[in-house]
Amino acid sequence: MGIVGAGLVAVWAYGLLRDSGRVLLDAEMNAPVVPGIREVIGANPIKANICDLHV
């Protein structure tokens, strides 16, 4: 029973590391809203350069 519990904890820990790693490393978001935001800011008459976008 202890080996099964250790396996369950290992699977949970791996999933936690995978999910939290994306957030901590600022992974690029694949949402359709990001290109829309870039287009709206780029179409503005005031020139702006987006260096880092967090949505």
Protein backbone atom coordinates (compact mmCIF):
# COMPACT_ATOMS: atom_id res chain seq x y z
CA MET A 1 0.00 0.00 0.00
CA GLY A 2 2.92 2.36 0.67
CA ILE A 3 4.28 1.89 -2.85
CA VAL A 4 0.91 2.77 -4.37
CA GLY A 5 0.74 5.90 -2.21
CA ALA A 6 4.27 6.89 -3.22
CA GLY A 7 3.35 6.46 -6.89
CA LEU A 8 0.24 8.58 -6.45
CA VAL A 9 2.25 11.34 -4.75
CA ALA A 10 4.88 11.19 -7.52
CA VAL A 11 2.24 11.59 -10.24
CA TRP A 12 0.66 14.50 -8.35
CA ALA A 13 4.06 16.17 -7.83
CA TYR A 14 4.95 15.84 -11.51
CA GLY A 15 1.66 17.46 -12.55
CA LEU A 16 2.15 20.25 -10.03
CA LEU A 17 5.68 20.96 -11.28
CA ARG A 18 4.54 20.96 -14.92
CA ASP A 19 1.63 23.36 -14.30
CA SER A 20 3.45 25.73 -11.95
CA GLY A 21 6.57 25.79 -14.13
CA ARG A 22 4.64 27.44 -16.97
CA VAL A 23 3.47 30.21 -14.66
CA LEU A 24 6.82 30.77 -12.98
CA LEU A 25 8.70 30.88 -16.29
CA ASP A 26 6.14 33.18 -17.97
CA ALA A 27 5.27 30.77 -20.76
CA GLU A 28 3.75 32.40 -23.84
CA MET A 29 -0.01 32.24 -23.82
CA ASN A 30 -1.70 30.67 -26.85
CA ALA A 31 -4.95 32.58 -26.49
CA PRO A 32 -6.56 34.41 -29.42
CA VAL A 33 -6.79 37.60 -27.36
CA VAL A 34 -3.01 38.24 -27.47
CA PRO A 35 -2.79 39.08 -31.22
CA GLY A 36 -5.93 41.21 -30.85
CA ILE A 37 -4.35 43.27 -28.10
CA ARG A 38 -1.20 43.75 -30.17
CA GLU A 39 -3.26 44.90 -33.18
CA VAL A 40 -5.29 47.42 -31.16
CA ILE A 41 -2.18 48.91 -29.57
CA GLY A 42 -0.39 48.97 -32.94
CA ALA A 43 -3.31 50.77 -34.63
CA ASN A 44 -3.26 53.55 -32.03
CA PRO A 45 -2.01 56.93 -33.36
CA ILE A 46 0.38 57.14 -30.42
CA LYS A 47 3.35 54.93 -31.26
CA ALA A 48 3.89 52.19 -28.69
CA ASN A 49 6.24 49.24 -28.74
CA ILE A 50 5.18 46.14 -26.79
CA CYS A 51 8.19 44.53 -25.14
CA ASP A 52 6.47 42.29 -22.60
CA LEU A 53 2.75 41.43 -22.60
CA HIS A 54 1.16 39.61 -19.67
CA VAL A 55 -2.50 38.69 -20.05
